[in-house]
């Protein structure tokens, strides 16, 4: 079974911008059923709020 790559829109509150945002994410569903974030159109990972991000926490 091959991994599957999908694009999803995640909507929620962004602490860094202090507003509701919609983020486009590219996700890879791995053979073991887990999901890996490949890319997003926000600063997730570099943002100071990444560890407790409510918006991106939806995809974990």
C-alpha atoms as a PDB file:
ATOM      1  CA  UNK A   1       0.000   0.000   0.000  1.00  0.00           C
ATOM      2  CA  UNK A   2       1.342   3.429  -0.974  1.00  0.00           C
ATOM      3  CA  UNK A   3       1.069   6.553   1.120  1.00  0.00           C
ATOM      4  CA  UNK A   4      -1.624   9.011   0.059  1.00  0.00           C
ATOM      5  CA  UNK A   5      -1.095  12.794  -0.193  1.00  0.00           C
ATOM      6  CA  UNK A   6      -4.103  15.072   0.264  1.00  0.00           C
ATOM      7  CA  UNK A   7      -4.738  18.793   0.546  1.00  0.00           C
ATOM      8  CA  UNK A   8      -7.012  20.012   3.329  1.00  0.00           C
ATOM      9  CA  UNK A   9      -8.335  23.347   4.542  1.00  0.00           C
ATOM     10  CA  UNK A  10      -8.164  23.885   8.310  1.00  0.00           C
ATOM     11  CA  UNK A  11     -10.102  26.760   9.857  1.00  0.00           C
ATOM     12  CA  UNK A  12      -9.679  28.217  13.337  1.00  0.00           C
ATOM     13  CA  UNK A  13      -8.135  30.888  15.533  1.00  0.00           C
ATOM     14  CA  UNK A  14      -4.507  31.963  14.943  1.00  0.00           C
ATOM     15  CA  UNK A  15      -2.802  33.376  18.064  1.00  0.00           C
ATOM     16  CA  UNK A  16       0.009  34.980  16.059  1.00  0.00           C
ATOM     17  CA  UNK A  17      -2.397  36.979  13.878  1.00  0.00           C
ATOM     18  CA  UNK A  18      -5.068  37.297  16.589  1.00  0.00           C
ATOM     19  CA  UNK A  19      -7.784  36.359  14.115  1.00  0.00           C
ATOM     20  CA  UNK A  20      -9.621  33.457  12.533  1.00  0.00           C
ATOM     21  CA  UNK A  21      -7.693  31.928   9.627  1.00  0.00           C
ATOM     22  CA  UNK A  22      -8.076  29.273   6.999  1.00  0.00           C
ATOM     23  CA  UNK A  23      -4.858  27.348   6.324  1.00  0.00           C
ATOM     24  CA  UNK A  24      -4.166  25.064   3.374  1.00  0.00           C
ATOM     25  CA  UNK A  25      -2.248  21.948   4.433  1.00  0.00           C
ATOM     26  CA  UNK A  26      -0.669  19.173   2.421  1.00  0.00           C
ATOM     27  CA  UNK A  27      -0.887  15.933   4.394  1.00  0.00           C
ATOM     28  CA  UNK A  28       0.520  12.477   3.799  1.00  0.00           C
ATOM     29  CA  UNK A  29      -1.360   9.491   5.178  1.00  0.00           C
ATOM     30  CA  UNK A  30       1.260   6.848   5.897  1.00  0.00           C
ATOM     31  CA  UNK A  31       0.867   3.089   5.596  1.00  0.00           C
ATOM     32  CA  UNK A  32       0.513   2.724   9.388  1.00  0.00           C
ATOM     33  CA  UNK A  33      -2.481   5.122   9.351  1.00  0.00           C
ATOM     34  CA  UNK A  34      -0.629   8.091  10.847  1.00  0.00           C
ATOM     35  CA  UNK A  35      -0.697  11.535   9.225  1.00  0.00           C
ATOM     36  CA  UNK A  36       2.378  13.624   8.410  1.00  0.00           C
ATOM     37  CA  UNK A  37       2.186  17.372   7.702  1.00  0.00           C
ATOM     38  CA  UNK A  38       4.173  18.063   4.529  1.00  0.00           C
ATOM     39  CA  UNK A  39       3.443  21.784   4.171  1.00  0.00           C
ATOM     40  CA  UNK A  40       1.093  24.582   5.193  1.00  0.00           C
ATOM     41  CA  UNK A  41       0.562  28.161   4.079  1.00  0.00           C
ATOM     42  CA  UNK A  42       1.240  29.565   7.557  1.00  0.00           C
ATOM     43  CA  UNK A  43       4.381  29.832   9.673  1.00  0.00           C
ATOM     44  CA  UNK A  44       3.678  26.603  11.586  1.00  0.00           C
ATOM     45  CA  UNK A  45       6.960  25.243  12.925  1.00  0.00           C
ATOM     46  CA  UNK A  46       8.593  28.677  12.875  1.00  0.00           C
ATOM     47  CA  UNK A  47       5.819  30.468  14.769  1.00  0.00           C
ATOM     48  CA  UNK A  48       6.287  31.030  18.511  1.00  0.00           C
ATOM     49  CA  UNK A  49       2.854  29.448  19.088  1.00  0.00           C
ATOM     50  CA  UNK A  50       3.528  26.207  17.173  1.00  0.00           C
ATOM     51  CA  UNK A  51       3.729  24.019  20.291  1.00  0.00           C
ATOM     52  CA  UNK A  52       0.252  25.041  21.485  1.00  0.00           C
ATOM     53  CA  UNK A  53      -1.371  26.047  18.187  1.00  0.00           C
ATOM     54  CA  UNK A  54      -5.112  25.400  18.385  1.00  0.00           C
ATOM     55  CA  UNK A  55      -5.525  25.795  14.636  1.00  0.00           C
ATOM     56  CA  UNK A  56      -2.903  23.293  13.473  1.00  0.00           C
ATOM     57  CA  UNK A  57      -3.617  21.040  16.450  1.00  0.00           C
ATOM     58  CA  UNK A  58      -6.732  19.934  14.574  1.00  0.00           C
ATOM     59  CA  UNK A  59      -4.673  17.787  12.196  1.00  0.00           C
ATOM     60  CA  UNK A  60      -2.589  15.925  14.785  1.00  0.00           C
END
